[in-house]
N, C-alpha and C. Protein backbone atom coordinates (compact mmCIF):
# COMPACT_ATOMS: atom_id res chain seq x y z
N MET A 1 -10.17 3.12 13.18
CA MET A 1 -11.64 2.78 12.23
C MET A 1 -12.02 2.10 12.96
N LYS A 2 -13.78 2.06 12.75
CA LYS A 2 -14.55 1.39 13.42
C LYS A 2 -14.53 0.09 11.94
N GLY A 3 -15.39 -0.13 12.25
CA GLY A 3 -15.70 -1.74 11.21
C GLY A 3 -14.57 -2.50 10.58
N LEU A 4 -13.46 -2.00 11.07
CA LEU A 4 -12.83 -3.05 10.26
C LEU A 4 -12.41 -4.47 10.91
N THR A 5 -12.08 -5.93 10.21
CA THR A 5 -11.82 -6.61 11.49
C THR A 5 -10.66 -6.87 11.47
N PRO A 6 -10.24 -7.75 12.18
CA PRO A 6 -8.95 -8.17 12.81
C PRO A 6 -7.67 -8.21 11.94
N PHE A 7 -8.08 -8.92 10.82
CA PHE A 7 -7.19 -9.01 9.77
C PHE A 7 -7.03 -7.30 8.81
N GLN A 8 -7.65 -6.69 8.53
CA GLN A 8 -7.73 -5.72 7.72
C GLN A 8 -6.96 -4.78 8.56
N ARG A 9 -7.67 -4.77 9.93
CA ARG A 9 -6.40 -3.73 11.21
C ARG A 9 -4.96 -4.13 10.85
N LYS A 10 -4.41 -5.19 10.30
CA LYS A 10 -3.14 -5.85 10.43
C LYS A 10 -2.75 -5.32 9.54
N ILE A 11 -3.63 -5.40 8.23
CA ILE A 11 -2.69 -4.90 7.05
C ILE A 11 -2.88 -3.31 7.36
N TYR A 12 -3.85 -2.74 7.20
CA TYR A 12 -3.39 -1.32 7.23
C TYR A 12 -2.24 -0.94 8.36
N ASN A 13 -2.13 -1.33 9.06
CA ASN A 13 -1.29 -1.08 9.99
C ASN A 13 0.09 -1.38 9.61
N LEU A 14 0.33 -2.85 9.53
CA LEU A 14 1.00 -2.61 8.33
C LEU A 14 2.00 -1.53 7.43
N VAL A 15 0.65 -1.23 6.74
CA VAL A 15 1.26 -0.59 5.14
C VAL A 15 1.38 1.01 5.31
N SER A 16 0.59 1.63 6.95
CA SER A 16 1.31 2.45 7.43
C SER A 16 2.52 2.93 7.59
N PHE A 17 3.64 1.98 8.01
CA PHE A 17 4.64 1.99 8.39
C PHE A 17 6.04 1.81 7.12
N ILE A 18 4.87 1.57 5.92
CA ILE A 18 5.73 1.52 4.68
C ILE A 18 6.54 3.20 4.63
N PRO A 19 7.78 3.46 4.70
CA PRO A 19 8.58 5.09 4.72
C PRO A 19 7.95 5.42 3.01
N TYR A 20 7.73 6.77 3.78
CA TYR A 20 7.41 7.77 2.94
C TYR A 20 8.69 7.77 1.75
N GLY A 21 8.52 7.36 0.16
CA GLY A 21 9.50 7.41 -0.57
C GLY A 21 9.56 6.25 -1.14
N GLN A 22 9.34 4.97 -0.44
CA GLN A 22 9.41 3.65 -0.72
C GLN A 22 8.74 2.76 -0.80
N THR A 23 8.67 1.50 -0.86
CA THR A 23 7.86 0.70 -1.83
C THR A 23 7.79 -0.70 -1.09
N ARG A 24 6.99 -1.51 -1.06
CA ARG A 24 6.81 -2.82 -0.40
C ARG A 24 6.25 -3.57 -1.20
N SER A 25 6.50 -4.89 -1.56
CA SER A 25 5.32 -5.61 -2.23
C SER A 25 3.92 -6.33 -1.84
N TYR A 26 3.07 -6.49 -2.36
CA TYR A 26 2.07 -7.31 -2.18
C TYR A 26 2.28 -8.28 -1.19
N SER A 27 3.45 -9.09 -1.92
CA SER A 27 4.12 -10.64 -1.20
C SER A 27 4.71 -10.37 0.21
N PHE A 28 5.59 -8.89 -0.10
CA PHE A 28 5.99 -9.06 1.49
C PHE A 28 5.36 -8.71 2.32
N ILE A 29 3.81 -7.78 1.99
CA ILE A 29 3.12 -7.42 3.33
C ILE A 29 2.73 -9.58 3.48
N ALA A 30 2.14 -9.84 2.58
CA ALA A 30 1.24 -11.06 2.72
C ALA A 30 2.59 -12.43 3.53
N GLU A 31 4.01 -12.14 3.51
CA GLU A 31 4.59 -13.02 4.28
C GLU A 31 4.89 -12.50 5.38
N ARG A 32 4.01 -11.52 5.89
CA ARG A 32 4.30 -10.84 6.91
C ARG A 32 3.18 -10.64 7.94
N ILE A 33 2.60 -11.26 7.01
CA ILE A 33 0.96 -11.44 7.74
C ILE A 33 0.03 -12.74 7.86
N GLY A 34 0.98 -13.80 7.22
CA GLY A 34 0.90 -15.25 6.68
C GLY A 34 -0.92 -15.32 5.98
N THR A 35 -0.49 -14.80 5.09
CA THR A 35 -1.87 -14.24 3.96
C THR A 35 -1.25 -14.34 2.88
N SER A 36 -1.80 -14.50 1.57
CA SER A 36 -1.57 -14.02 -0.24
C SER A 36 -1.87 -12.91 -0.45
N PRO A 37 -1.01 -12.90 -1.06
CA PRO A 37 -1.16 -11.46 -1.80
C PRO A 37 -2.05 -11.08 -2.39
N ARG A 38 -2.92 -11.71 -2.85
CA ARG A 38 -4.73 -11.32 -3.44
C ARG A 38 -5.50 -11.05 -2.39
N ALA A 39 -5.27 -11.00 -1.37
CA ALA A 39 -5.46 -10.73 0.07
C ALA A 39 -5.45 -9.53 0.46
N ILE A 40 -4.21 -9.25 0.42
CA ILE A 40 -3.48 -7.47 0.74
C ILE A 40 -4.27 -7.24 -0.56
N GLY A 41 -4.13 -7.48 -2.10
CA GLY A 41 -4.91 -6.46 -2.82
C GLY A 41 -6.08 -6.29 -2.74
N ARG A 42 -6.77 -7.40 -2.01
CA ARG A 42 -8.37 -7.07 -2.02
C ARG A 42 -8.93 -6.17 -0.76
N VAL A 43 -7.97 -6.41 0.01
CA VAL A 43 -7.93 -5.75 1.34
C VAL A 43 -7.65 -3.95 1.33
N LEU A 44 -6.81 -3.83 0.61
CA LEU A 44 -6.21 -2.95 0.28
C LEU A 44 -7.03 -1.79 -0.97
N SER A 45 -7.72 -2.67 -2.57
CA SER A 45 -8.71 -1.68 -3.02
C SER A 45 -10.00 -1.65 -1.91
N LYS A 46 -10.38 -1.36 -0.89
CA LYS A 46 -11.35 -1.02 -0.21
C LYS A 46 -10.42 0.43 1.29
N ASN A 47 -9.13 0.33 1.18
CA ASN A 47 -9.03 1.25 1.99
C ASN A 47 -10.04 2.70 2.49
N PRO A 48 -10.59 2.89 3.06
CA PRO A 48 -10.81 4.11 2.89
C PRO A 48 -10.68 5.31 3.02
N LEU A 49 -8.86 5.44 3.44
CA LEU A 49 -8.16 6.38 3.47
C LEU A 49 -6.81 6.72 2.82
N PRO A 50 -6.71 6.18 1.52
CA PRO A 50 -6.04 6.21 0.99
C PRO A 50 -4.76 6.67 0.38
N ILE A 51 -4.50 8.07 0.95
CA ILE A 51 -3.30 8.62 0.97
C ILE A 51 -2.67 8.30 2.67
N VAL A 52 -3.36 8.70 3.87
CA VAL A 52 -3.41 8.51 4.80
C VAL A 52 -2.74 6.82 5.54
N ILE A 53 -3.01 5.90 4.79
CA ILE A 53 -3.11 4.52 4.94
C ILE A 53 -2.48 4.71 3.58
N PRO A 54 -1.19 4.47 3.36
CA PRO A 54 -0.51 4.84 2.02
C PRO A 54 0.11 3.41 1.03
N CYS A 55 -1.48 2.59 0.57
CA CYS A 55 -1.53 2.33 -0.08
C CYS A 55 -0.87 1.97 -1.33
N HIS A 56 -0.60 3.06 -1.47
CA HIS A 56 -0.27 3.09 -2.70
C HIS A 56 1.03 2.70 -3.18
N ARG A 57 1.99 3.22 -1.85
CA ARG A 57 3.65 2.35 -1.68
C ARG A 57 3.48 0.75 -1.55
N VAL A 58 2.32 -0.32 -2.01
CA VAL A 58 2.55 -1.34 -2.15
C VAL A 58 2.21 -2.07 -3.39
N ILE A 59 3.44 -2.45 -4.25
CA ILE A 59 3.14 -2.45 -5.82
C ILE A 59 3.27 -4.11 -5.96
N LYS A 60 3.66 -4.49 -6.36
CA LYS A 60 4.07 -5.86 -7.55
C LYS A 60 5.17 -6.14 -6.93
N LYS A 61 5.21 -7.58 -7.16
CA LYS A 61 6.58 -8.76 -6.80
C LYS A 61 7.68 -8.42 -7.69
N ASP A 62 7.49 -7.85 -8.97
CA ASP A 62 8.40 -7.95 -10.77
C ASP A 62 8.27 -6.25 -10.42
N GLY A 63 8.29 -5.61 -9.70
CA GLY A 63 8.17 -3.98 -9.60
C GLY A 63 6.84 -2.98 -10.26
N GLU A 64 5.74 -3.65 -11.37
CA GLU A 64 5.20 -3.10 -11.94
C GLU A 64 4.05 -3.05 -10.76
N LEU A 65 3.26 -1.63 -11.44
CA LEU A 65 2.36 -0.80 -10.27
C LEU A 65 1.08 -1.59 -9.71
N GLY A 66 -0.02 -2.56 -10.20
CA GLY A 66 -0.48 -2.98 -9.74
C GLY A 66 -1.57 -2.09 -9.11
N GLY A 67 -2.89 -2.37 -8.70
CA GLY A 67 -3.81 -1.28 -8.33
C GLY A 67 -3.92 -0.20 -7.62
N PHE A 68 -4.29 0.99 -8.03
CA PHE A 68 -5.11 1.94 -6.89
C PHE A 68 -6.24 2.42 -7.19
N LYS A 69 -7.01 2.47 -6.11
CA LYS A 69 -8.10 3.19 -6.04
C LYS A 69 -8.84 4.75 -6.79
N CYS A 70 -7.60 5.28 -6.89
CA CYS A 70 -7.90 6.34 -7.71
C CYS A 70 -6.99 6.21 -9.11
N GLY A 71 -6.77 4.88 -9.77
CA GLY A 71 -6.20 4.79 -10.98
C GLY A 71 -4.60 4.20 -10.51
N LYS A 72 -3.76 3.69 -11.94
CA LYS A 72 -2.94 3.79 -12.19
C LYS A 72 -1.75 4.34 -11.98
N ASP A 73 -2.74 5.81 -13.10
CA ASP A 73 -1.40 7.37 -13.49
C ASP A 73 -1.45 7.85 -12.16
N MET A 74 -2.36 7.85 -11.02
CA MET A 74 -2.24 8.96 -9.95
C MET A 74 -1.09 7.92 -8.90
N LYS A 75 -1.18 6.49 -9.07
CA LYS A 75 -0.40 5.67 -8.15
C LYS A 75 0.83 5.98 -8.62
N GLU A 76 1.46 6.01 -9.38
CA GLU A 76 2.25 6.02 -10.03
C GLU A 76 3.05 7.98 -9.95
N LYS A 77 2.39 8.77 -9.69
CA LYS A 77 2.26 10.41 -9.93
C LYS A 77 2.17 10.51 -8.28
N ILE A 78 1.93 9.82 -7.82
CA ILE A 78 2.34 9.84 -5.80
C ILE A 78 3.57 9.12 -5.57
N LEU A 79 3.89 8.52 -6.08
CA LEU A 79 4.90 7.79 -6.23
C LEU A 79 5.99 8.34 -6.49
N GLU A 80 6.32 9.24 -7.97
CA GLU A 80 7.20 10.10 -8.24
C GLU A 80 7.36 11.54 -7.62
N ILE A 81 6.64 12.12 -7.36
CA ILE A 81 6.42 13.29 -6.24
C ILE A 81 7.06 12.40 -4.93
N GLU A 82 6.84 11.32 -3.87
CA GLU A 82 7.40 11.00 -3.03
C GLU A 82 8.89 10.97 -3.04
N ARG A 83 9.84 9.68 -4.00
CA ARG A 83 10.36 9.33 -4.81
C ARG A 83 11.69 11.13 -4.45
N GLU A 84 11.01 11.40 -5.41
CA GLU A 84 11.36 12.84 -5.39
C GLU A 84 12.35 14.53 -4.22
N ASN A 85 11.13 14.45 -3.20
CA ASN A 85 10.94 14.91 -2.04
C ASN A 85 11.46 13.96 -0.69
N ALA A 86 11.72 12.75 -0.94
CA ALA A 86 11.70 11.53 0.55
C ALA A 86 13.08 12.18 1.45
N GLY A 87 13.80 13.43 0.58
CA GLY A 87 15.01 13.35 1.51
C GLY A 87 14.74 15.00 1.59
N ILE A 88 14.31 15.03 1.69
CA ILE A 88 13.55 16.38 1.86
C ILE A 88 13.07 16.39 3.67
N PHE A 89 12.25 15.67 4.06
CA PHE A 89 11.89 15.71 5.24
C PHE A 89 12.93 15.03 6.69
């Protein structure tokens, strides 16, 4: 994707590898990149392709959903659908 910084690319690339039906925390992503969970959240809030780059799979360390560009209700619904269908693929 054009116009992204190397930092954004790292985050989007790592998030792209979160398996279908699973989640990772903002802290998990941050530790692998060497930044803060807030920085991860800021980048993901600007995700230009929220389903292709599955930022909905990134949640808070305590298991709460955190934010989502399309709203928390949508994030919860997408994760629910993925969990229900994870064994099909």
